[in-house]
Protein backbone atom coordinates (compact mmCIF):
# COMPACT_ATOMS: atom_id res chain seq x y z
CA ILE A 1 -15.53 10.31 -53.05
CA MET A 2 -14.11 11.30 -57.04
CA LEU A 3 -14.87 15.28 -56.26
CA MET A 4 -12.37 14.75 -53.07
CA TYR A 5 -9.77 13.06 -55.08
CA LEU A 6 -10.21 15.70 -57.82
CA VAL A 7 -9.21 18.39 -55.19
CA LEU A 8 -6.81 16.10 -53.54
CA GLY A 9 -4.83 15.87 -57.05
CA CYS A 10 -4.78 19.27 -57.03
CA LEU A 11 -2.80 19.55 -53.85
CA MET A 12 -1.20 16.15 -53.42
CA ASP A 13 1.32 13.70 -55.21
CA ALA A 14 -0.82 10.80 -56.92
CA MET A 15 0.88 8.01 -54.34
CA ALA A 16 0.75 9.92 -50.95
CA MET A 17 -3.22 10.63 -51.97
CA ILE A 18 -3.98 6.92 -53.04
CA ILE A 19 -2.13 5.44 -49.28
CA LEU A 20 -3.64 7.90 -47.59
CA THR A 21 -7.28 7.52 -48.74
CA VAL A 22 -7.80 4.19 -49.91
CA PRO A 23 -7.93 2.73 -46.31
CA ILE A 24 -10.57 4.76 -45.63
CA ILE A 25 -12.33 4.63 -48.64
CA PHE A 26 -11.82 0.95 -50.00
CA PRO A 27 -14.33 -1.01 -47.07
CA VAL A 28 -16.86 1.86 -47.98
CA ILE A 29 -17.00 0.61 -51.45
CA ILE A 30 -17.09 -2.75 -50.60
CA ALA A 31 -19.83 -2.48 -48.10
CA LEU A 32 -22.21 -0.62 -50.92
CA GLY A 33 -21.61 -3.69 -53.67
CA PHE A 34 -19.20 -1.96 -55.88
CA ASP A 35 -16.44 -4.15 -57.70
CA PRO A 36 -12.70 -3.40 -56.24
CA ILE A 37 -11.34 -3.41 -59.80
CA TRP A 38 -13.81 -1.25 -61.50
CA PHE A 39 -12.81 1.44 -58.36
CA GLY A 40 -9.33 1.36 -58.59
CA VAL A 41 -9.68 1.86 -62.37
CA ILE A 42 -11.76 5.11 -61.49
CA ILE A 43 -9.71 6.33 -58.74
CA VAL A 44 -6.57 6.16 -60.99
CA MET A 45 -8.15 8.18 -63.77
CA THR A 46 -9.49 10.72 -61.23
CA VAL A 47 -6.00 11.17 -59.45
CA GLU A 48 -4.39 11.54 -63.15
CA LEU A 49 -6.97 13.93 -63.83
CA GLY A 50 -6.55 16.52 -60.73
CA LEU A 51 -2.65 15.97 -61.61
CA ILE A 52 -3.35 18.27 -64.25
CA HIS A 53 -5.51 20.51 -62.80
CA PRO A 54 -3.67 23.75 -61.31
CA PRO A 55 -2.44 25.46 -58.66
CA VAL A 56 0.21 22.68 -58.88
CA GLY A 57 -0.51 20.61 -62.20
CA MET A 58 2.83 18.35 -61.90
CA ILE A 59 1.85 16.45 -65.01
CA VAL A 60 2.04 19.54 -66.99
CA PHE A 61 5.81 20.15 -65.07
CA VAL A 62 6.49 16.55 -66.60
CA ILE A 63 5.19 17.13 -70.32
CA LYS A 64 7.35 20.04 -70.47
CA SER A 65 10.51 18.58 -69.32
CA VAL A 66 9.79 15.70 -71.74
CA VAL A 67 8.73 18.28 -74.84
CA GLN A 68 11.10 21.10 -74.68
CA GLU A 69 9.09 23.07 -77.96
CA VAL A 70 6.17 23.16 -75.89
CA SER A 71 5.11 26.40 -73.60
CA PHE A 72 3.61 26.31 -70.41
CA SER A 73 0.41 28.18 -71.41
CA THR A 74 -0.40 25.10 -74.02
């Protein structure tokens, strides 16, 4: 599940990814006996990690717009 979120994070926006996948994944997580709060924390962290990775790297564009001195390669 985390690998799926990591790959999707490279290609999609965070909110769209969560809205599309959580209704499918959440009942499985509950049936397996995991805590829903920790599931949410792990999903948010994994999605943000995916948003850093190429090919899109949306977080990189946000950082570049906030800090002008930092280059994209950094």
